[in-house]
Structure formats: C-alpha cells, structure tokens
Amino acid sequence: MTRILIAEDEARIASFVQKGLVANGFTTTVVGDGESALQHALSDRFDLLVLDLGLPVRDGFSVLGTLRERRNTTPVIILTAQDSVRATVAGLEGGADDYMTKPFRFEELLARVRLRLRRTEPITEPTVLDAGTVSLDLRTRRADVDGTAVDLTAREFALLELFLRHRGQVLSREQILSHVWGYDFDPGSNIVDVYVRALRRKVGAARIRTARGMGYAFDVTS
C-alpha cells in the first residue's frame, strides 16, 4: 500500500487532499506543523510527502532542507500560496520534486502524485477507463462513445474521468466540485448541474443517473 504524508496546517485543505487520496487507494497520514512533518518523514517509511511551505513551528523550506541534508530521498510535492517565481525556484532548488500553487484542483495534484510515484513503483495505473461502450484514453485525451470519437472540454473530460473511476457510485455535488473544480469552490453554485447536462448530450443522457437529493452516478450497464 502506498503511503503518503500530508503536511498542511489549513484543516480544510488537508481534509480535501486526504479524502481525495484515500478515495484513490492511498494510505495517508496528516500533520499540521513542520516539526511533526520532519519527525514523521525521518522515522517512518513514506512513499511521498505533500508539503505546505507555510507550516508553523518549522516552515516547509526548513523541513525540505533537513530531509535532503540527511539524504532522505522521499519524493516531495510542495504546496504554496506564494504565487511567485522566487518561491517556486527556491523550493525546487531546495530538493522538491514538484510544486502546486494554491488554489488547485485535486485531479491536478493526483496526476503529479502518480507521476512521482511511477519513478519508484511499477506502473499499475490504467491508461484507458471504460464502462460499456464509453471509453476514455488518459494519455491521448480521447473519448469514444459507441465507437465514435467525442470532443470534450477540459472540465467535461475531468468530469467523465471522475465518473468512470467511480462508475456505479453516487457522487454528491460537493464531491464533484472538489475533484473537478478544486477545494476553493462555491458550494451554492449550479455549475455541476450545467456540466452534467452538457456531458449527457455527448455521452447519452441515460448513462448519467440523477440520484435525487444525493447527486449523480454513471451507470455501468447503460
């Protein structure tokens, strides 16, 4: 089981990242300060560290620097609200493997996590998702419905990918919002319903079922 350490002091973001990673089969540990992050990373075996730079007690730069000084080679993806070239360069030069600037969509973070893990683990992630006669090629970004290619926008592609990864499962609007639009979303927005209607027109209305009062599900048998 792949183990990921999440070092993030903002509870909302930490919960958003943890829930998404757990839903995708990862085992996670969450800490809220830099000293705890450093001690966990040094004493336990983790496959990857998601590290916020603005941690209390000891900041992310210090954590990263100490890990690399002690020859700890755990892949590190830094999270930063500092949308500047200087912060990004400092993090990468300090030994980080990748970075994400807040706010971010979970699917973007997940893609980066999988990319870093592929360097040390066998590739087991499917490159094509399918349900019946609907298929999605994650490498070529091609969608096929009943043997015909369908053009999807970036959001529609992300939404269909989410449905196919959880086919048959009812997903709430909040789950869809957090995965496709990120944690920094308006829970009162009807954007999910708008995109579901658009996707239905392209893949077939019967395939996406409305679970009234709960959300939507992609029916495997449709």
Foldseek 3Di string as FASTA:
>chain_A
DAEEEEEAQPVLQQVLLVVVVVVVPYHYDYDQALVVVLVCLVPDDHQAYEAEQPGPPHGRLRSLLVCVVVVNLRAYEYEYCPPDPVVQVSVVVSPHPYYDHPPDASVVVVVVVLVSSVVPDPDPDDQWFDFVQWIAGNVVRWIGANRHTFDDDPLLSQLVVVQRVVAPDFDAPQRSCCRRVNSPDDPPDPVVVVSLVVNCVGHPVVQWDADPPGHIHGHRVD
